[in-house]
Amino acid sequence: MKTKILGFVAALLVFSGIAIAGIPGNTSGEVTQIKGEMVTIKTSEGKMTTFHVDPAGTKKEGMIEIGAQVSAEVNDKGHANWIKVVENKK
C-alpha cells in the first residue's frame, strides 16, 4: 500500500513540475519579471512563462532586463539552455 501511495505522490510531483515549467522547447516574449535566477516572460498569446536562467550554464546574448523581447530554449525541467534578446524596448 505504501508503495502505491509513494508512486502516486511521485507521479503528481512529476506532472506538477511539467505544468509549472511548461512544455519544453523554444519560447519568446517580453520579460516582465526577474527574481534572482528566475525570468518570467509574457508571450504574444498572453501566457506567462517562468524559467531558470543559470548564470554559469545558460548561454546569454544581450542584456536580459524587464521590457526586453527575448527568445529562449527551455528544457523539460524549466531551465533555459539559451536566452537571447531579440529587441529591447528601452
N, C-alpha and C. Protein backbone atom coordinates (compact mmCIF):
# COMPACT_ATOMS: atom_id res chain seq x y z
N MET A 1 0.82 -1.19 0.00
CA MET A 1 0.00 0.00 0.00
C MET A 1 0.87 1.26 0.00
N LYS A 2 1.93 1.26 0.83
CA LYS A 2 2.82 2.41 0.89
C LYS A 2 3.49 2.66 -0.46
N THR A 3 3.82 1.57 -1.15
CA THR A 3 4.47 1.69 -2.45
C THR A 3 3.54 2.37 -3.45
N LYS A 4 2.27 2.01 -3.43
CA LYS A 4 1.30 2.62 -4.35
C LYS A 4 1.13 4.11 -4.04
N ILE A 5 1.07 4.45 -2.76
CA ILE A 5 0.91 5.86 -2.37
C ILE A 5 2.13 6.66 -2.78
N LEU A 6 3.32 6.10 -2.51
CA LEU A 6 4.55 6.80 -2.90
C LEU A 6 4.63 6.97 -4.42
N GLY A 7 4.21 5.96 -5.15
CA GLY A 7 4.21 6.05 -6.61
C GLY A 7 3.25 7.13 -7.10
N PHE A 8 2.09 7.20 -6.47
CA PHE A 8 1.10 8.22 -6.82
C PHE A 8 1.63 9.62 -6.53
N VAL A 9 2.25 9.80 -5.37
CA VAL A 9 2.82 11.10 -4.99
C VAL A 9 3.93 11.48 -5.96
N ALA A 10 4.78 10.53 -6.31
CA ALA A 10 5.87 10.80 -7.26
C ALA A 10 5.31 11.23 -8.61
N ALA A 11 4.26 10.55 -9.07
CA ALA A 11 3.64 10.92 -10.35
C ALA A 11 3.06 12.33 -10.29
N LEU A 12 2.42 12.66 -9.19
CA LEU A 12 1.87 14.02 -9.04
C LEU A 12 2.97 15.07 -9.09
N LEU A 13 4.08 14.80 -8.43
CA LEU A 13 5.19 15.76 -8.43
C LEU A 13 5.75 15.94 -9.83
N VAL A 14 5.89 14.87 -10.56
CA VAL A 14 6.41 14.95 -11.93
C VAL A 14 5.47 15.78 -12.80
N PHE A 15 4.18 15.47 -12.76
CA PHE A 15 3.22 16.19 -13.60
C PHE A 15 3.08 17.64 -13.18
N SER A 16 3.14 17.93 -11.88
CA SER A 16 3.04 19.33 -11.45
C SER A 16 4.28 20.10 -11.88
N GLY A 17 5.45 19.47 -11.89
CA GLY A 17 6.67 20.11 -12.36
C GLY A 17 6.59 20.46 -13.83
N ILE A 18 6.00 19.58 -14.61
CA ILE A 18 5.82 19.85 -16.04
C ILE A 18 4.84 21.00 -16.23
N ALA A 19 3.80 21.05 -15.44
CA ALA A 19 2.81 22.13 -15.56
C ALA A 19 3.42 23.47 -15.23
N ILE A 20 4.29 23.52 -14.22
CA ILE A 20 4.93 24.78 -13.84
C ILE A 20 5.92 25.21 -14.90
N ALA A 21 6.74 24.28 -15.35
CA ALA A 21 7.79 24.61 -16.31
C ALA A 21 7.22 24.85 -17.70
N GLY A 22 6.10 24.24 -18.01
CA GLY A 22 5.54 24.36 -19.34
C GLY A 22 6.12 23.30 -20.26
N ILE A 23 5.74 23.35 -21.48
CA ILE A 23 6.23 22.39 -22.46
C ILE A 23 7.61 22.82 -22.90
N PRO A 24 8.57 21.88 -22.92
CA PRO A 24 9.93 22.27 -23.32
C PRO A 24 9.98 22.70 -24.78
N GLY A 25 10.97 23.52 -25.09
CA GLY A 25 11.16 23.98 -26.47
C GLY A 25 11.44 25.46 -26.50
N ASN A 26 11.29 26.04 -27.67
CA ASN A 26 11.54 27.47 -27.82
C ASN A 26 10.33 28.28 -27.38
N THR A 27 10.60 29.39 -26.73
CA THR A 27 9.55 30.31 -26.30
C THR A 27 10.07 31.72 -26.49
N SER A 28 9.16 32.66 -26.66
CA SER A 28 9.59 34.04 -26.80
C SER A 28 8.52 34.96 -26.24
N GLY A 29 8.95 36.15 -25.85
CA GLY A 29 8.02 37.12 -25.31
C GLY A 29 8.76 38.26 -24.63
N GLU A 30 7.99 39.06 -23.89
CA GLU A 30 8.55 40.22 -23.19
C GLU A 30 8.87 39.86 -21.75
N VAL A 31 10.06 40.21 -21.30
CA VAL A 31 10.44 39.96 -19.92
C VAL A 31 9.61 40.88 -19.02
N THR A 32 8.87 40.26 -18.09
CA THR A 32 8.02 41.04 -17.18
C THR A 32 8.55 41.04 -15.76
N GLN A 33 9.38 40.04 -15.42
CA GLN A 33 9.90 39.96 -14.06
C GLN A 33 11.19 39.17 -14.03
N ILE A 34 12.12 39.61 -13.19
CA ILE A 34 13.35 38.88 -12.93
C ILE A 34 13.51 38.81 -11.43
N LYS A 35 13.51 37.59 -10.89
CA LYS A 35 13.71 37.38 -9.45
C LYS A 35 14.85 36.40 -9.29
N GLY A 36 16.01 36.92 -8.92
CA GLY A 36 17.18 36.05 -8.79
C GLY A 36 17.53 35.46 -10.15
N GLU A 37 17.50 34.13 -10.24
CA GLU A 37 17.82 33.43 -11.47
C GLU A 37 16.57 33.04 -12.27
N MET A 38 15.40 33.47 -11.80
CA MET A 38 14.14 33.13 -12.46
C MET A 38 13.67 34.31 -13.32
N VAL A 39 13.33 34.01 -14.58
CA VAL A 39 12.87 35.03 -15.53
C VAL A 39 11.45 34.68 -15.95
N THR A 40 10.56 35.67 -15.91
CA THR A 40 9.18 35.49 -16.35
C THR A 40 8.97 36.31 -17.60
N ILE A 41 8.39 35.68 -18.62
CA ILE A 41 8.06 36.39 -19.85
C ILE A 41 6.57 36.26 -20.14
N LYS A 42 6.05 37.23 -20.88
CA LYS A 42 4.66 37.19 -21.36
C LYS A 42 4.73 36.97 -22.85
N THR A 43 4.15 35.87 -23.30
CA THR A 43 4.18 35.54 -24.72
C THR A 43 3.17 36.39 -25.49
N SER A 44 3.22 36.31 -26.79
CA SER A 44 2.28 37.08 -27.62
C SER A 44 0.84 36.61 -27.41
N GLU A 45 0.66 35.39 -26.92
CA GLU A 45 -0.68 34.87 -26.62
C GLU A 45 -1.16 35.30 -25.24
N GLY A 46 -0.30 36.02 -24.49
CA GLY A 46 -0.66 36.49 -23.16
C GLY A 46 -0.33 35.52 -22.04
N LYS A 47 0.31 34.40 -22.35
CA LYS A 47 0.66 33.39 -21.36
C LYS A 47 1.94 33.81 -20.63
N MET A 48 1.93 33.68 -19.31
CA MET A 48 3.12 33.96 -18.51
C MET A 48 3.92 32.68 -18.35
N THR A 49 5.21 32.73 -18.63
CA THR A 49 6.09 31.57 -18.52
C THR A 49 7.30 31.96 -17.69
N THR A 50 7.62 31.14 -16.69
CA THR A 50 8.77 31.39 -15.83
C THR A 50 9.76 30.25 -16.00
N PHE A 51 11.03 30.59 -16.12
CA PHE A 51 12.07 29.57 -16.26
C PHE A 51 13.35 30.04 -15.58
N HIS A 52 14.24 29.09 -15.36
CA HIS A 52 15.51 29.33 -14.66
C HIS A 52 16.60 29.67 -15.66
N VAL A 53 17.34 30.72 -15.37
CA VAL A 53 18.50 31.12 -16.18
C VAL A 53 19.72 30.97 -15.28
N ASP A 54 20.51 29.94 -15.55
CA ASP A 54 21.70 29.64 -14.74
C ASP A 54 22.83 30.58 -15.16
N PRO A 55 23.41 31.32 -14.20
CA PRO A 55 24.49 32.25 -14.54
C PRO A 55 25.68 31.57 -15.21
N ALA A 56 25.94 30.31 -14.85
CA ALA A 56 27.10 29.62 -15.40
C ALA A 56 26.73 28.72 -16.59
N GLY A 57 25.50 28.18 -16.62
CA GLY A 57 25.16 27.18 -17.62
C GLY A 57 24.31 27.63 -18.78
N THR A 58 23.63 28.76 -18.65
CA THR A 58 22.76 29.24 -19.73
C THR A 58 23.53 30.21 -20.62
N LYS A 59 23.51 29.94 -21.92
CA LYS A 59 24.14 30.86 -22.87
C LYS A 59 23.24 32.08 -23.01
N LYS A 60 23.82 33.27 -22.81
CA LYS A 60 23.05 34.52 -22.86
C LYS A 60 23.60 35.45 -23.94
N GLU A 61 22.68 36.07 -24.67
CA GLU A 61 23.06 37.07 -25.68
C GLU A 61 22.25 38.33 -25.42
N GLY A 62 22.93 39.44 -25.17
CA GLY A 62 22.26 40.71 -24.93
C GLY A 62 21.97 40.92 -23.45
N MET A 63 21.42 42.09 -23.15
CA MET A 63 21.09 42.46 -21.78
C MET A 63 19.68 41.98 -21.46
N ILE A 64 19.58 40.98 -20.61
CA ILE A 64 18.28 40.44 -20.21
C ILE A 64 17.74 41.34 -19.10
N GLU A 65 16.70 42.13 -19.42
CA GLU A 65 16.12 43.06 -18.46
C GLU A 65 14.63 43.20 -18.72
N ILE A 66 13.92 43.74 -17.75
CA ILE A 66 12.48 43.91 -17.89
C ILE A 66 12.19 44.81 -19.10
N GLY A 67 11.23 44.37 -19.91
CA GLY A 67 10.86 45.10 -21.12
C GLY A 67 11.51 44.58 -22.38
N ALA A 68 12.58 43.78 -22.23
CA ALA A 68 13.27 43.24 -23.41
C ALA A 68 12.44 42.12 -24.03
N GLN A 69 12.43 42.07 -25.36
CA GLN A 69 11.83 40.95 -26.08
C GLN A 69 12.90 39.89 -26.22
N VAL A 70 12.61 38.68 -25.72
CA VAL A 70 13.61 37.62 -25.73
C VAL A 70 13.06 36.36 -26.38
N SER A 71 13.98 35.51 -26.76
CA SER A 71 13.69 34.18 -27.25
C SER A 71 14.55 33.24 -26.41
N ALA A 72 14.00 32.08 -26.03
CA ALA A 72 14.76 31.15 -25.19
C ALA A 72 14.40 29.71 -25.53
N GLU A 73 15.36 28.82 -25.29
CA GLU A 73 15.10 27.39 -25.40
C GLU A 73 15.08 26.86 -23.97
N VAL A 74 13.94 26.29 -23.57
CA VAL A 74 13.74 25.82 -22.20
C VAL A 74 13.57 24.31 -22.23
N ASN A 75 14.29 23.61 -21.32
CA ASN A 75 14.16 22.16 -21.28
C ASN A 75 12.97 21.73 -20.44
N ASP A 76 12.75 20.42 -20.34
CA ASP A 76 11.57 19.91 -19.64
C ASP A 76 11.62 20.11 -18.13
N LYS A 77 12.74 20.54 -17.60
CA LYS A 77 12.86 20.81 -16.16
C LYS A 77 12.75 22.30 -15.85
N GLY A 78 12.47 23.12 -16.87
CA GLY A 78 12.28 24.55 -16.66
C GLY A 78 13.55 25.36 -16.65
N HIS A 79 14.63 24.81 -17.20
CA HIS A 79 15.91 25.53 -17.27
C HIS A 79 16.15 25.99 -18.70
N ALA A 80 16.58 27.23 -18.85
CA ALA A 80 16.89 27.74 -20.19
C ALA A 80 18.27 27.27 -20.61
N ASN A 81 18.35 26.64 -21.79
CA ASN A 81 19.64 26.27 -22.36
C ASN A 81 20.32 27.52 -22.92
N TRP A 82 19.51 28.39 -23.52
CA TRP A 82 19.99 29.67 -24.03
C TRP A 82 18.85 30.68 -23.99
N ILE A 83 19.24 31.94 -23.91
CA ILE A 83 18.28 33.04 -23.97
C ILE A 83 18.97 34.20 -24.67
N LYS A 84 18.24 34.85 -25.57
CA LYS A 84 18.83 35.99 -26.27
C LYS A 84 17.81 37.10 -26.44
N VAL A 85 18.30 38.32 -26.43
CA VAL A 85 17.45 39.48 -26.64
C VAL A 85 17.21 39.61 -28.13
N VAL A 86 15.95 39.70 -28.50
CA VAL A 86 15.55 39.88 -29.89
C VAL A 86 15.36 41.37 -30.15
N GLU A 87 14.78 42.07 -29.16
CA GLU A 87 14.53 43.50 -29.27
C GLU A 87 14.45 44.06 -27.85
N ASN A 88 15.03 45.23 -27.64
CA ASN A 88 14.98 45.87 -26.35
C ASN A 88 14.16 47.14 -26.50
N LYS A 89 13.07 47.28 -25.74
CA LYS A 89 12.17 48.43 -25.87
C LYS A 89 12.74 49.69 -25.27
N LYS A 90 13.76 49.59 -24.44
CA LYS A 90 14.30 50.77 -23.77
C LYS A 90 15.20 51.56 -24.68
